[in-house]
N, C-alpha and C. Protein backbone atom coordinates (compact mmCIF):
# COMPACT_ATOMS: atom_id res chain seq x y z
N UNK A 1 0.04 -4.58 -9.05
CA UNK A 1 0.28 -3.26 -9.38
C UNK A 1 -1.03 -2.79 -10.01
N UNK A 2 -1.69 -1.86 -9.49
CA UNK A 2 -2.89 -1.45 -10.07
C UNK A 2 -2.89 0.12 -10.48
N UNK A 3 -3.40 0.43 -11.48
CA UNK A 3 -3.65 1.83 -11.90
C UNK A 3 -4.84 1.93 -12.83
N UNK A 4 -5.32 3.19 -12.89
CA UNK A 4 -6.42 3.50 -13.81
C UNK A 4 -5.83 4.07 -15.04
N UNK A 5 -6.19 3.80 -16.28
CA UNK A 5 -5.89 4.41 -17.46
C UNK A 5 -6.92 4.88 -18.15
N UNK A 6 -6.94 6.07 -18.78
CA UNK A 6 -7.96 6.43 -19.63
C UNK A 6 -9.17 7.16 -18.91
N UNK A 7 -10.33 7.01 -19.41
CA UNK A 7 -11.58 7.60 -18.92
C UNK A 7 -12.02 6.84 -17.71
N UNK A 8 -11.88 7.32 -16.41
CA UNK A 8 -12.27 6.51 -15.17
C UNK A 8 -13.58 5.79 -15.23
N UNK A 9 -14.56 6.46 -16.01
CA UNK A 9 -15.86 5.81 -16.06
C UNK A 9 -15.84 4.52 -16.74
N UNK A 10 -14.91 4.26 -17.63
CA UNK A 10 -14.85 3.10 -18.40
C UNK A 10 -13.64 2.23 -17.93
N UNK A 11 -12.72 2.56 -17.05
CA UNK A 11 -11.61 1.88 -16.54
C UNK A 11 -12.03 0.68 -15.73
N UNK A 12 -11.32 -0.32 -15.65
CA UNK A 12 -11.35 -1.55 -14.84
C UNK A 12 -10.97 -1.08 -13.48
N UNK A 13 -11.87 -1.34 -12.47
CA UNK A 13 -11.47 -1.06 -11.12
C UNK A 13 -10.88 -2.34 -10.52
N UNK A 14 -9.64 -2.28 -10.17
CA UNK A 14 -8.91 -3.49 -9.64
C UNK A 14 -9.15 -3.77 -8.10
N UNK A 15 -9.55 -2.74 -7.39
CA UNK A 15 -9.58 -2.72 -5.92
C UNK A 15 -10.57 -3.84 -5.32
N UNK A 16 -11.87 -4.10 -5.80
CA UNK A 16 -12.52 -5.11 -5.28
C UNK A 16 -11.87 -6.62 -5.42
N UNK A 17 -11.25 -6.69 -6.57
CA UNK A 17 -10.59 -8.07 -6.75
C UNK A 17 -9.39 -8.12 -5.87
N UNK A 18 -8.60 -7.13 -5.70
CA UNK A 18 -7.41 -6.92 -4.78
C UNK A 18 -7.98 -7.38 -3.34
N UNK A 19 -9.02 -6.71 -2.90
CA UNK A 19 -9.60 -7.16 -1.65
C UNK A 19 -9.79 -8.54 -1.38
N UNK A 20 -10.44 -9.19 -2.49
CA UNK A 20 -10.67 -10.57 -2.40
C UNK A 20 -9.42 -11.37 -2.20
N UNK A 21 -8.37 -10.88 -2.92
CA UNK A 21 -6.94 -11.65 -2.89
C UNK A 21 -6.29 -11.64 -1.59
N UNK A 22 -6.48 -10.28 -0.92
CA UNK A 22 -5.85 -10.19 0.52
C UNK A 22 -6.79 -11.00 1.47
N UNK A 23 -8.05 -10.94 1.33
CA UNK A 23 -8.74 -11.87 2.24
C UNK A 23 -8.48 -13.42 2.07
N UNK A 24 -8.11 -13.62 0.64
CA UNK A 24 -7.86 -15.10 0.44
C UNK A 24 -6.43 -15.43 1.17
N UNK A 25 -5.60 -14.45 1.14
CA UNK A 25 -4.25 -14.65 1.87
C UNK A 25 -4.54 -14.88 3.35
N UNK A 26 -5.56 -14.01 3.92
CA UNK A 26 -5.72 -14.28 5.16
C UNK A 26 -6.28 -15.59 5.57
N UNK A 27 -7.09 -16.24 4.66
CA UNK A 27 -7.77 -17.42 4.98
C UNK A 27 -6.72 -18.62 4.71
N UNK A 28 -5.90 -18.54 3.64
CA UNK A 28 -5.11 -19.69 3.29
C UNK A 28 -3.69 -19.69 3.74
N UNK A 29 -3.12 -18.57 3.99
CA UNK A 29 -1.80 -18.49 4.38
C UNK A 29 -1.72 -18.65 5.95
N UNK A 30 -1.27 -19.80 6.31
CA UNK A 30 -1.18 -20.19 7.70
C UNK A 30 -0.16 -19.41 8.50
N UNK A 31 -0.19 -18.11 8.63
CA UNK A 31 0.68 -17.42 9.46
C UNK A 31 0.18 -16.64 10.55
N UNK A 32 -1.19 -16.80 10.84
CA UNK A 32 -1.94 -16.07 11.76
C UNK A 32 -1.86 -14.52 11.45
N UNK A 33 -2.00 -14.12 10.14
CA UNK A 33 -1.86 -12.91 9.65
C UNK A 33 -0.73 -12.03 10.25
N UNK A 34 0.40 -12.75 10.24
CA UNK A 34 1.65 -11.87 10.72
C UNK A 34 2.41 -11.38 9.56
N UNK A 35 2.25 -11.79 8.37
CA UNK A 35 2.99 -11.41 7.15
C UNK A 35 2.32 -10.05 6.58
N UNK A 36 3.15 -9.08 6.47
CA UNK A 36 2.64 -7.79 5.97
C UNK A 36 2.42 -7.99 4.48
N UNK A 37 1.56 -7.15 3.93
CA UNK A 37 1.25 -7.04 2.59
C UNK A 37 1.60 -5.49 2.05
N UNK A 38 2.43 -5.31 1.02
CA UNK A 38 2.73 -4.15 0.48
C UNK A 38 2.05 -4.19 -0.94
N UNK A 39 1.31 -3.18 -1.26
CA UNK A 39 0.82 -3.10 -2.54
C UNK A 39 1.40 -1.90 -3.22
N UNK A 40 2.18 -2.30 -4.24
CA UNK A 40 2.80 -1.25 -5.03
C UNK A 40 1.80 -0.79 -6.15
N UNK A 41 1.57 0.50 -6.41
CA UNK A 41 0.60 0.90 -7.40
C UNK A 41 1.20 2.26 -8.03
N UNK A 42 0.54 2.49 -9.23
CA UNK A 42 0.72 3.74 -9.88
C UNK A 42 -0.55 4.37 -9.83
N UNK A 43 -0.55 5.75 -10.19
CA UNK A 43 -1.76 6.49 -10.15
C UNK A 43 -2.31 6.79 -8.62
N UNK A 44 -3.41 7.32 -8.44
CA UNK A 44 -3.78 7.72 -7.20
C UNK A 44 -5.20 7.28 -6.95
N UNK A 45 -5.20 6.16 -6.30
CA UNK A 45 -6.59 5.56 -5.84
C UNK A 45 -7.38 6.40 -4.91
N UNK A 46 -8.69 6.24 -4.96
CA UNK A 46 -9.60 6.84 -3.91
C UNK A 46 -9.43 6.20 -2.64
N UNK A 47 -9.52 6.97 -1.63
CA UNK A 47 -9.45 6.41 -0.15
C UNK A 47 -10.49 5.27 -0.06
N UNK A 48 -11.69 5.47 -0.85
CA UNK A 48 -12.92 4.63 -0.66
C UNK A 48 -12.47 3.24 -1.33
N UNK A 49 -11.45 3.32 -2.13
CA UNK A 49 -11.10 1.93 -2.77
C UNK A 49 -9.99 1.22 -1.85
N UNK A 50 -9.35 1.97 -1.13
CA UNK A 50 -8.31 1.37 -0.19
C UNK A 50 -8.86 0.87 1.30
N UNK A 51 -9.94 1.60 1.67
CA UNK A 51 -10.32 1.39 3.07
C UNK A 51 -10.78 0.01 3.19
N UNK A 52 -11.75 -0.55 2.27
CA UNK A 52 -12.15 -1.89 2.40
C UNK A 52 -11.10 -2.98 2.47
N UNK A 53 -9.92 -2.64 1.68
CA UNK A 53 -8.78 -3.57 1.81
C UNK A 53 -8.12 -3.57 3.14
N UNK A 54 -7.83 -2.46 3.65
CA UNK A 54 -7.12 -2.18 4.80
C UNK A 54 -7.96 -2.62 6.07
N UNK A 55 -9.12 -2.39 6.08
CA UNK A 55 -10.00 -2.57 7.22
C UNK A 55 -10.52 -4.01 7.03
N UNK A 56 -10.34 -4.70 5.96
CA UNK A 56 -10.90 -6.13 5.85
C UNK A 56 -10.02 -7.11 6.26
N UNK A 57 -8.83 -6.80 6.55
CA UNK A 57 -7.79 -7.80 6.87
C UNK A 57 -7.12 -7.47 8.34
N UNK A 58 -6.63 -8.44 9.01
CA UNK A 58 -5.91 -8.20 10.08
C UNK A 58 -4.43 -8.06 9.86
N UNK A 59 -3.97 -8.14 8.67
CA UNK A 59 -2.67 -7.94 8.31
C UNK A 59 -2.24 -6.42 8.31
N UNK A 60 -0.92 -6.27 8.43
CA UNK A 60 -0.41 -4.80 8.21
C UNK A 60 -0.39 -4.57 6.71
N UNK A 61 -1.21 -3.73 6.06
CA UNK A 61 -1.20 -3.54 4.67
C UNK A 61 -0.82 -2.21 4.28
N UNK A 62 0.10 -2.03 3.40
CA UNK A 62 0.62 -0.61 3.02
C UNK A 62 0.43 -0.47 1.53
N UNK A 63 0.07 0.67 1.04
CA UNK A 63 -0.04 1.05 -0.25
C UNK A 63 1.09 2.04 -0.50
N UNK A 64 2.03 1.57 -1.61
CA UNK A 64 3.10 2.40 -1.95
C UNK A 64 3.01 2.84 -3.37
N UNK A 65 2.79 4.17 -3.58
CA UNK A 65 2.86 4.65 -4.88
C UNK A 65 4.19 4.81 -5.48
N UNK A 66 4.43 4.14 -6.75
CA UNK A 66 5.68 4.12 -7.29
C UNK A 66 5.81 4.93 -8.62
N UNK A 67 5.01 5.83 -8.77
CA UNK A 67 5.03 6.60 -10.04
C UNK A 67 6.47 7.13 -10.26
N UNK A 68 7.01 7.63 -9.24
CA UNK A 68 8.32 8.45 -9.37
C UNK A 68 9.41 7.52 -9.91
N UNK A 69 9.28 6.16 -9.92
CA UNK A 69 10.38 5.37 -10.48
C UNK A 69 9.85 4.30 -11.41
N UNK A 70 8.56 3.93 -11.48
CA UNK A 70 8.13 2.95 -12.40
C UNK A 70 8.32 3.24 -13.80
N UNK A 71 8.09 4.38 -14.26
CA UNK A 71 8.22 4.74 -15.68
C UNK A 71 9.58 5.13 -16.15
N UNK A 72 10.47 5.06 -15.40
CA UNK A 72 11.99 5.20 -15.77
C UNK A 72 12.54 4.09 -16.39
N UNK A 73 13.48 4.25 -17.27
CA UNK A 73 14.25 3.37 -17.97
C UNK A 73 15.60 3.06 -17.13
N UNK A 74 16.18 1.91 -17.41
CA UNK A 74 17.51 1.79 -16.85
C UNK A 74 18.45 2.72 -17.49
N UNK A 75 19.53 3.23 -16.70
CA UNK A 75 20.50 4.20 -17.22
C UNK A 75 21.02 3.99 -18.60
N UNK A 76 21.21 2.80 -18.91
CA UNK A 76 22.08 2.51 -20.24
C UNK A 76 20.98 2.34 -21.32
N UNK A 77 19.75 2.39 -21.25
CA UNK A 77 18.76 2.19 -22.20
C UNK A 77 18.35 3.43 -22.80
N UNK A 78 18.21 3.50 -24.10
CA UNK A 78 17.72 4.70 -24.78
C UNK A 78 16.34 4.19 -25.52
N UNK A 79 15.19 4.60 -25.06
CA UNK A 79 14.06 4.22 -25.58
C UNK A 79 13.67 4.95 -27.04
N UNK A 80 14.39 6.02 -27.31
CA UNK A 80 14.31 6.87 -28.55
C UNK A 80 14.93 6.16 -29.72
N UNK A 81 15.82 5.13 -29.52
CA UNK A 81 16.42 4.52 -30.62
C UNK A 81 16.07 2.92 -30.57
N UNK A 82 15.37 2.51 -29.76
CA UNK A 82 15.04 0.98 -29.52
C UNK A 82 13.54 0.86 -29.79
N UNK A 83 13.10 -0.22 -30.22
CA UNK A 83 11.64 -0.53 -30.25
C UNK A 83 11.42 -1.63 -28.99
N UNK A 84 10.25 -1.65 -28.48
CA UNK A 84 9.99 -2.74 -27.39
C UNK A 84 9.88 -4.02 -28.06
N UNK A 85 10.26 -4.97 -27.31
CA UNK A 85 10.14 -6.41 -27.83
C UNK A 85 8.86 -6.97 -27.56
N UNK A 86 7.88 -6.36 -26.78
CA UNK A 86 6.60 -6.88 -26.42
C UNK A 86 5.80 -5.63 -25.98
N UNK A 87 4.63 -5.70 -26.64
CA UNK A 87 3.70 -4.58 -26.31
C UNK A 87 2.20 -5.07 -26.52
N UNK A 88 1.42 -4.98 -25.47
CA UNK A 88 0.11 -5.34 -25.37
C UNK A 88 -0.63 -4.15 -24.94
N UNK A 89 -0.34 -3.82 -23.78
CA UNK A 89 -1.21 -2.66 -23.18
C UNK A 89 -0.53 -1.26 -23.23
N UNK A 90 0.66 -1.21 -23.65
CA UNK A 90 1.35 0.00 -23.82
C UNK A 90 2.68 -0.15 -24.40
N UNK A 91 3.39 0.81 -24.99
CA UNK A 91 4.61 0.49 -25.65
C UNK A 91 5.78 0.00 -24.79
N UNK A 92 5.81 0.52 -23.67
CA UNK A 92 7.00 0.18 -22.76
C UNK A 92 6.56 -0.42 -21.37
N UNK A 93 5.26 -0.63 -21.20
CA UNK A 93 4.67 -1.05 -19.78
C UNK A 93 5.37 -2.36 -19.30
N UNK A 94 5.44 -3.29 -20.19
CA UNK A 94 6.07 -4.62 -19.78
C UNK A 94 7.46 -4.37 -19.45
N UNK A 95 8.25 -3.64 -20.15
CA UNK A 95 9.56 -3.37 -19.72
C UNK A 95 9.86 -2.67 -18.47
N UNK A 96 8.90 -1.66 -18.22
CA UNK A 96 8.97 -1.09 -16.86
C UNK A 96 8.68 -1.96 -15.78
N UNK A 97 7.72 -2.69 -15.91
CA UNK A 97 7.47 -3.85 -14.99
C UNK A 97 8.67 -4.68 -14.61
N UNK A 98 9.20 -5.22 -15.73
CA UNK A 98 10.45 -6.09 -15.58
C UNK A 98 11.61 -5.38 -14.83
N UNK A 99 11.87 -4.06 -15.20
CA UNK A 99 12.81 -3.29 -14.58
C UNK A 99 12.61 -3.12 -13.06
N UNK A 100 11.30 -2.78 -12.79
CA UNK A 100 10.89 -2.53 -11.51
C UNK A 100 11.14 -3.80 -10.53
N UNK A 101 10.64 -5.01 -11.11
CA UNK A 101 10.62 -6.12 -10.25
C UNK A 101 11.97 -6.83 -10.15
N UNK A 102 12.84 -6.56 -11.18
CA UNK A 102 14.20 -7.07 -11.09
C UNK A 102 15.39 -6.28 -10.53
N UNK A 103 14.98 -5.05 -10.32
CA UNK A 103 16.08 -4.17 -9.81
C UNK A 103 15.49 -3.09 -8.90
N UNK A 104 14.49 -2.19 -9.38
CA UNK A 104 13.97 -1.12 -8.55
C UNK A 104 13.37 -1.45 -7.33
N UNK A 105 12.67 -2.61 -7.18
CA UNK A 105 11.89 -2.80 -5.99
C UNK A 105 12.90 -3.04 -4.72
N UNK A 106 14.07 -3.55 -5.01
CA UNK A 106 15.12 -3.76 -3.98
C UNK A 106 15.70 -2.51 -3.52
N UNK A 107 15.57 -1.40 -4.11
CA UNK A 107 16.12 -0.19 -3.68
C UNK A 107 15.22 0.69 -3.03
N UNK A 108 13.95 0.27 -2.78
CA UNK A 108 13.03 0.97 -2.05
C UNK A 108 13.27 0.85 -0.53
N UNK A 109 13.15 1.90 0.15
CA UNK A 109 13.42 1.95 1.52
C UNK A 109 12.52 0.94 2.40
N UNK A 110 11.27 0.97 1.86
CA UNK A 110 10.27 0.15 2.58
C UNK A 110 10.74 -1.31 2.59
N UNK A 111 11.48 -1.74 1.60
CA UNK A 111 12.00 -3.20 1.48
C UNK A 111 13.06 -3.44 2.36
N UNK A 112 13.72 -2.54 2.96
CA UNK A 112 14.87 -2.97 3.82
C UNK A 112 14.51 -3.54 5.18
N UNK A 113 13.14 -3.48 5.53
CA UNK A 113 12.76 -4.16 6.78
C UNK A 113 12.48 -5.62 6.54
N UNK A 114 12.60 -6.12 5.41
CA UNK A 114 12.19 -7.51 5.12
C UNK A 114 13.40 -8.30 4.63
N UNK A 115 13.28 -9.48 5.01
CA UNK A 115 14.24 -10.55 4.44
C UNK A 115 13.86 -11.35 3.30
N UNK A 116 12.58 -11.57 3.22
CA UNK A 116 11.92 -12.26 2.09
C UNK A 116 10.87 -11.52 1.61
N UNK A 117 10.54 -11.81 0.18
CA UNK A 117 9.46 -11.22 -0.47
C UNK A 117 8.89 -12.13 -1.41
N UNK A 118 7.53 -12.12 -1.63
CA UNK A 118 6.79 -12.97 -2.58
C UNK A 118 5.97 -12.02 -3.28
N UNK A 119 6.09 -12.11 -4.71
CA UNK A 119 5.24 -11.23 -5.50
C UNK A 119 3.97 -11.92 -5.87
N UNK A 120 2.99 -11.35 -5.73
CA UNK A 120 1.61 -11.71 -6.18
C UNK A 120 0.93 -10.56 -6.98
N UNK A 121 0.56 -10.90 -8.13
CA UNK A 121 -0.26 -9.92 -9.01
C UNK A 121 -1.65 -9.99 -8.43
N UNK A 122 -2.41 -9.00 -8.82
CA UNK A 122 -3.70 -8.89 -8.29
C UNK A 122 -4.76 -9.96 -8.91
N UNK A 123 -4.18 -10.62 -10.03
CA UNK A 123 -4.95 -11.84 -10.55
C UNK A 123 -4.34 -13.20 -10.03
N UNK A 124 -3.28 -13.16 -9.22
CA UNK A 124 -2.90 -14.45 -8.54
C UNK A 124 -3.81 -14.88 -7.50
N UNK A 125 -3.72 -16.24 -7.34
CA UNK A 125 -4.50 -16.93 -6.21
C UNK A 125 -3.74 -17.83 -5.51
N UNK A 126 -4.03 -18.08 -4.17
CA UNK A 126 -3.49 -19.23 -3.54
C UNK A 126 -4.66 -20.15 -3.41
N UNK A 127 -4.62 -21.23 -4.02
CA UNK A 127 -5.73 -22.23 -4.22
C UNK A 127 -5.82 -23.21 -3.19
N UNK A 128 -4.74 -23.38 -2.33
CA UNK A 128 -4.81 -24.28 -1.14
C UNK A 128 -4.40 -23.68 0.05
N UNK A 129 -4.38 -24.39 1.18
CA UNK A 129 -3.76 -23.85 2.38
C UNK A 129 -2.35 -24.02 2.35
N UNK A 130 -1.52 -22.91 2.82
CA UNK A 130 -0.33 -22.87 2.73
C UNK A 130 0.36 -22.73 4.19
N UNK A 131 1.10 -23.53 4.66
CA UNK A 131 1.68 -23.48 6.01
C UNK A 131 2.86 -22.62 6.16
N UNK A 132 2.91 -21.79 7.05
CA UNK A 132 4.10 -20.75 7.28
C UNK A 132 5.14 -21.57 8.10
N UNK A 133 6.28 -21.80 7.56
CA UNK A 133 7.25 -22.45 8.23
C UNK A 133 8.44 -21.63 8.79
N UNK A 134 8.40 -20.32 8.48
CA UNK A 134 9.56 -19.45 8.91
C UNK A 134 9.47 -19.04 10.32
């Protein structure tokens, strides 16, 4: 999940590395590029950042903006009376990420067409060849 924070001139641009990771999937995931890739993101990337990723792969690649749900808290949680248990990049970012990946992602309409899901962060790598057995 990638997004820009702060001054865009100083922000880390995750999209070139994300392109490398998608191409790595093409090379090492032995599925003849039949597995779709959904990239969940916050913020609004430029089309020029997305086009090299989409056009560089034979896979179906979709970018899904999750701003409308990512920064929400679970209904029983009150952030005004609680302190975060972990904060490095932002007060609640880690908690939002956990809530998204353990609950919210399964409620997204786009996920209804899939039986299996594998989560890879933009810094994940597949280091060897992986045979597709499904």
